[in-house]
Amino acid sequence: MELVTVEIQDKIAKISLNNGKVNAISHQVIEELNAALDQAEEAKAVVILSGKEGILSGGYDLKTMQKSMTDAMALVTEGSKFTRRMMSFPFPIIVACTGHAVAKGGFLLLSADYRIGVEGSFKIGLNEVAIGMTMHHAGIEMARNRMPANYFNRSVMNAEMFSPEDAIKAGFLDQIVAPEQLMATAEQVAAQMKTLNMRAHHGTKIKARQAYLETMDKAIEIDSTGSL
């Protein structure tokens, strides 16, 4: 792997994304993230997904998104399939949000089981409308599934960006800590989650999210044949 690193120890898989200044989500990144989840699943490990200092991800790779509508939709579809996989993963997924989380970075947060952010002047949210993109169907459903209605409108339709503190209220984060405490806190949460009965965890996750996952499958299919 070149853009995603994986370290698995004591049933905890630390997956880190490192792709340029904004940690862009490209086809290669998605392929490597899926391979990392394969390793975690084989090891029956709780996952901690993180970015690099100051940023989780700024969204999809702009070079691909600007090539053509076909190229853009192909990347968006693969990205939606990955976050759909996160929502049905057999083991808990924690995202340690290292800073900014914009567009697809925000969707990574919306698709995790537990989200920890850091204090600071960081922006978290979905900026698609602000940059001229009509939100894709799968993105709308991801946001609808995790965000309170008033924040859903502010985020999806108005492209409002949130501070880490407000991102908790908006549904992107579960808690925030000082940057130097982020990974230690994520490891503490992972250690607690390791005590779960994973068969019961997965069965309950699938049962609780069944309607959402079915809706996501339909939305991904529409996006794959439609347009932004």
Protein backbone atom coordinates (compact mmCIF):
# COMPACT_ATOMS: atom_id res chain seq x y z
CA MET A 1 0.00 0.00 0.00
CA GLU A 2 1.16 3.52 -0.76
CA LEU A 3 -1.53 5.94 0.41
CA VAL A 4 -3.07 3.95 3.27
CA THR A 5 -1.14 2.28 6.07
CA VAL A 6 -2.40 -0.51 8.32
CA GLU A 7 -1.10 -1.59 11.70
CA ILE A 8 -2.89 -4.43 13.47
CA GLN A 9 -2.04 -5.34 17.03
CA ASP A 10 -4.06 -6.93 19.83
CA LYS A 11 -7.30 -6.96 17.79
CA ILE A 12 -7.11 -3.24 16.96
CA ALA A 13 -6.47 -2.17 13.35
CA LYS A 14 -5.09 1.34 12.93
CA ILE A 15 -5.74 2.52 9.38
CA SER A 16 -4.20 5.85 8.35
CA LEU A 17 -4.80 7.88 5.20
CA ASN A 18 -1.95 9.95 3.77
CA ASN A 19 -2.59 11.31 0.28
CA GLY A 20 -1.23 14.76 -0.32
CA LYS A 21 -2.14 18.08 1.24
CA VAL A 22 -5.87 17.43 1.58
CA ASN A 23 -5.87 13.63 1.89
CA ALA A 24 -7.90 13.37 -1.30
CA ILE A 25 -10.08 10.33 -1.84
CA SER A 26 -9.12 8.76 -5.18
CA HIS A 27 -9.80 5.38 -6.75
CA GLN A 28 -6.45 4.17 -5.43
CA VAL A 29 -7.27 5.38 -1.92
CA ILE A 30 -10.64 3.61 -1.97
CA GLU A 31 -9.00 0.41 -3.23
CA GLU A 32 -6.40 0.59 -0.45
CA LEU A 33 -9.02 1.41 2.20
CA ASN A 34 -11.03 -1.64 1.15
CA ALA A 35 -7.90 -3.77 1.33
CA ALA A 36 -7.24 -2.39 4.81
CA LEU A 37 -10.75 -3.31 5.93
CA ASP A 38 -10.19 -6.79 4.46
CA GLN A 39 -7.17 -7.17 6.72
CA ALA A 40 -9.06 -5.87 9.74
CA GLU A 41 -11.97 -8.20 9.09
CA GLU A 42 -9.68 -11.19 8.73
CA ALA A 43 -8.03 -10.26 12.04
CA LYS A 44 -11.44 -9.71 13.69
CA ALA A 45 -10.20 -6.30 14.77
CA VAL A 46 -11.83 -3.08 15.91
CA VAL A 47 -10.86 -0.34 13.43
CA ILE A 48 -9.43 3.11 14.12
CA LEU A 49 -9.44 5.18 10.91
CA SER A 50 -7.47 8.44 10.94
CA GLY A 51 -5.94 11.03 8.65
CA LYS A 52 -2.83 13.10 9.16
CA GLU A 53 -2.19 16.09 11.39
CA GLY A 54 -4.73 18.82 10.65
CA ILE A 55 -6.97 16.93 8.25
CA LEU A 56 -8.97 13.74 7.91
CA SER A 57 -9.86 14.39 4.25
CA GLY A 58 -10.85 17.31 2.06
CA GLY A 59 -12.97 15.13 -0.21
CA TYR A 60 -12.73 13.41 -3.56
CA ASP A 61 -9.74 13.83 -5.87
CA LEU A 62 -10.50 16.97 -7.87
CA LYS A 63 -8.54 15.89 -10.95
CA THR A 64 -10.87 12.92 -11.35
CA MET A 65 -13.99 14.90 -10.45
CA GLN A 66 -13.21 17.53 -13.08
CA LYS A 67 -12.45 15.12 -15.94
CA SER A 68 -16.03 14.39 -16.91
CA MET A 69 -19.40 13.62 -15.39
CA THR A 70 -18.79 9.93 -16.08
CA ASP A 71 -15.47 9.97 -14.25
CA ALA A 72 -16.93 11.93 -11.36
CA MET A 73 -19.89 9.59 -10.93
CA ALA A 74 -17.67 6.51 -11.09
CA LEU A 75 -15.53 7.85 -8.23
CA VAL A 76 -18.56 8.94 -6.20
CA THR A 77 -20.17 5.53 -6.66
CA GLU A 78 -17.07 3.69 -5.46
CA GLY A 79 -16.80 6.04 -2.50
CA SER A 80 -20.43 5.46 -1.56
CA LYS A 81 -19.93 1.70 -1.75
CA PHE A 82 -17.02 2.04 0.67
CA THR A 83 -18.95 4.09 3.21
CA ARG A 84 -21.87 1.69 2.85
CA ARG A 85 -19.41 -1.07 3.74
CA MET A 86 -18.35 0.90 6.81
CA MET A 87 -21.95 1.03 8.01
CA SER A 88 -22.31 -2.76 7.79
CA PHE A 89 -18.80 -3.77 8.85
CA PRO A 90 -18.76 -6.78 11.23
CA PHE A 91 -16.58 -4.96 13.79
CA PRO A 92 -16.78 -1.45 15.25
CA ILE A 93 -15.22 1.38 13.27
CA ILE A 94 -13.91 4.45 15.11
CA VAL A 95 -12.83 7.53 13.17
CA ALA A 96 -10.15 9.65 14.81
CA CYS A 97 -10.73 12.92 13.01
CA THR A 98 -7.36 14.66 12.96
CA GLY A 99 -8.67 18.07 11.82
CA HIS A 100 -10.71 19.25 8.84
CA ALA A 101 -13.26 16.83 7.40
CA VAL A 102 -14.90 18.19 4.26
CA ALA A 103 -17.24 16.59 1.71
CA LYS A 104 -16.21 12.90 1.55
CA GLY A 105 -14.25 13.48 4.75
CA GLY A 106 -17.56 14.38 6.39
CA PHE A 107 -19.20 11.28 4.96
CA LEU A 108 -16.49 9.11 6.51
CA LEU A 109 -17.57 10.54 9.87
CA LEU A 110 -21.24 9.95 9.13
CA SER A 111 -20.49 6.29 8.34
CA ALA A 112 -18.48 5.34 11.44
CA ASP A 113 -19.73 3.76 14.65
CA TYR A 114 -17.94 6.30 16.86
CA ARG A 115 -16.28 9.61 15.96
CA ILE A 116 -13.66 11.56 17.92
CA GLY A 117 -12.54 15.01 16.77
CA VAL A 118 -9.92 17.46 17.94
CA GLU A 119 -10.19 20.96 19.35
CA GLY A 120 -9.08 23.75 17.07
CA SER A 121 -10.12 26.02 14.22
CA PHE A 122 -11.15 23.15 11.98
CA LYS A 123 -14.10 22.91 9.61
CA ILE A 124 -16.32 19.87 9.33
CA GLY A 125 -19.19 19.50 6.88
CA LEU A 126 -20.51 18.96 3.39
CA ASN A 127 -19.57 21.75 0.99
CA GLU A 128 -20.91 20.26 -2.26
CA VAL A 129 -23.56 22.92 -2.88
CA ALA A 130 -21.04 25.70 -2.21
CA ILE A 131 -18.73 24.42 -4.96
CA GLY A 132 -21.48 23.88 -7.53
CA MET A 133 -22.29 20.22 -7.03
CA THR A 134 -25.82 18.93 -6.61
CA MET A 135 -25.64 16.46 -3.74
CA HIS A 136 -25.68 12.83 -4.88
CA HIS A 137 -28.50 10.54 -3.71
CA ALA A 138 -26.29 8.36 -1.52
CA GLY A 139 -24.81 11.44 0.15
CA ILE A 140 -28.26 12.76 0.98
CA GLU A 141 -29.20 9.42 2.55
CA MET A 142 -25.96 9.24 4.56
CA ALA A 143 -26.61 12.69 5.98
CA ARG A 144 -30.30 12.02 6.61
CA ASN A 145 -29.41 8.86 8.53
CA ARG A 146 -27.09 10.55 11.06
CA MET A 147 -28.01 14.24 11.26
CA PRO A 148 -30.84 15.99 13.14
CA ALA A 149 -33.35 17.47 10.68
CA ASN A 150 -32.42 21.10 11.26
CA TYR A 151 -28.70 20.40 10.81
CA PHE A 152 -29.43 18.20 7.79
CA ASN A 153 -31.00 21.19 6.04
CA ARG A 154 -28.20 23.53 7.06
CA SER A 155 -25.51 21.07 5.96
CA VAL A 156 -26.86 19.39 2.83
CA MET A 157 -28.83 22.27 1.30
CA ASN A 158 -26.87 25.27 2.60
CA ALA A 159 -23.35 23.77 2.75
CA GLU A 160 -22.79 25.17 6.24
CA MET A 161 -19.48 24.18 7.79
CA PHE A 162 -19.20 23.48 11.50
CA SER A 163 -16.57 23.86 14.19
CA PRO A 164 -15.65 20.66 16.02
CA GLU A 165 -17.89 21.72 18.91
CA ASP A 166 -20.89 22.33 16.66
CA ALA A 167 -20.09 19.18 14.65
CA ILE A 168 -21.14 17.18 17.73
CA LYS A 169 -24.58 18.83 17.64
CA ALA A 170 -24.78 18.34 13.87
CA GLY A 171 -24.14 14.59 14.10
CA PHE A 172 -20.63 14.40 12.65
CA LEU A 173 -18.77 13.78 15.92
CA ASP A 174 -19.43 12.11 19.26
CA GLN A 175 -16.74 13.89 21.28
CA ILE A 176 -13.74 16.18 20.91
CA VAL A 177 -10.41 16.12 22.72
CA ALA A 178 -7.11 17.99 22.62
CA PRO A 179 -5.06 16.98 19.55
CA GLU A 180 -2.40 15.30 21.67
CA GLN A 181 -5.08 13.12 23.29
CA LEU A 182 -6.76 11.96 20.08
CA MET A 183 -5.13 8.61 19.45
CA ALA A 184 -4.97 7.66 23.13
CA THR A 185 -8.69 8.38 23.40
CA ALA A 186 -9.43 6.38 20.24
CA GLU A 187 -7.43 3.47 21.64
CA GLN A 188 -9.39 3.64 24.90
CA VAL A 189 -12.68 3.54 22.99
CA ALA A 190 -11.39 0.65 20.87
CA ALA A 191 -10.36 -1.25 23.99
CA GLN A 192 -13.87 -0.83 25.40
CA MET A 193 -15.44 -1.92 22.13
CA LYS A 194 -13.25 -5.04 22.09
CA THR A 195 -15.26 -6.25 25.09
CA LEU A 196 -18.45 -6.41 22.99
CA ASN A 197 -19.80 -9.70 21.74
CA MET A 198 -18.99 -9.13 18.06
CA ARG A 199 -21.66 -11.51 16.78
CA ALA A 200 -24.27 -9.59 18.75
CA HIS A 201 -22.73 -6.25 17.70
CA HIS A 202 -22.88 -7.10 14.02
CA GLY A 203 -26.33 -8.67 14.19
CA THR A 204 -27.74 -5.65 15.99
CA LYS A 205 -25.97 -3.23 13.62
CA ILE A 206 -27.47 -4.92 10.56
CA LYS A 207 -30.93 -5.13 12.13
CA ALA A 208 -30.89 -1.49 13.24
CA ARG A 209 -29.59 -0.24 9.90
CA GLN A 210 -31.48 -2.58 7.58
CA ALA A 211 -33.81 0.06 6.14
CA TYR A 212 -30.94 2.52 5.75
CA LEU A 213 -28.71 -0.01 4.00
CA GLU A 214 -31.51 -0.91 1.59
CA THR A 215 -32.05 2.78 0.88
CA MET A 216 -28.31 3.24 0.33
CA ASP A 217 -28.21 0.38 -2.17
CA LYS A 218 -30.99 2.01 -4.18
CA ALA A 219 -29.33 5.44 -3.97
CA ILE A 220 -25.97 4.07 -5.11
CA GLU A 221 -27.65 2.39 -8.08
CA ILE A 222 -29.38 5.63 -9.07
CA ASP A 223 -26.13 7.59 -8.76
CA SER A 224 -24.23 5.04 -10.84
CA THR A 225 -26.58 5.55 -13.78
CA GLY A 226 -27.43 9.19 -13.30
CA SER A 227 -25.62 12.46 -12.77
CA LEU A 228 -24.64 14.83 -10.02
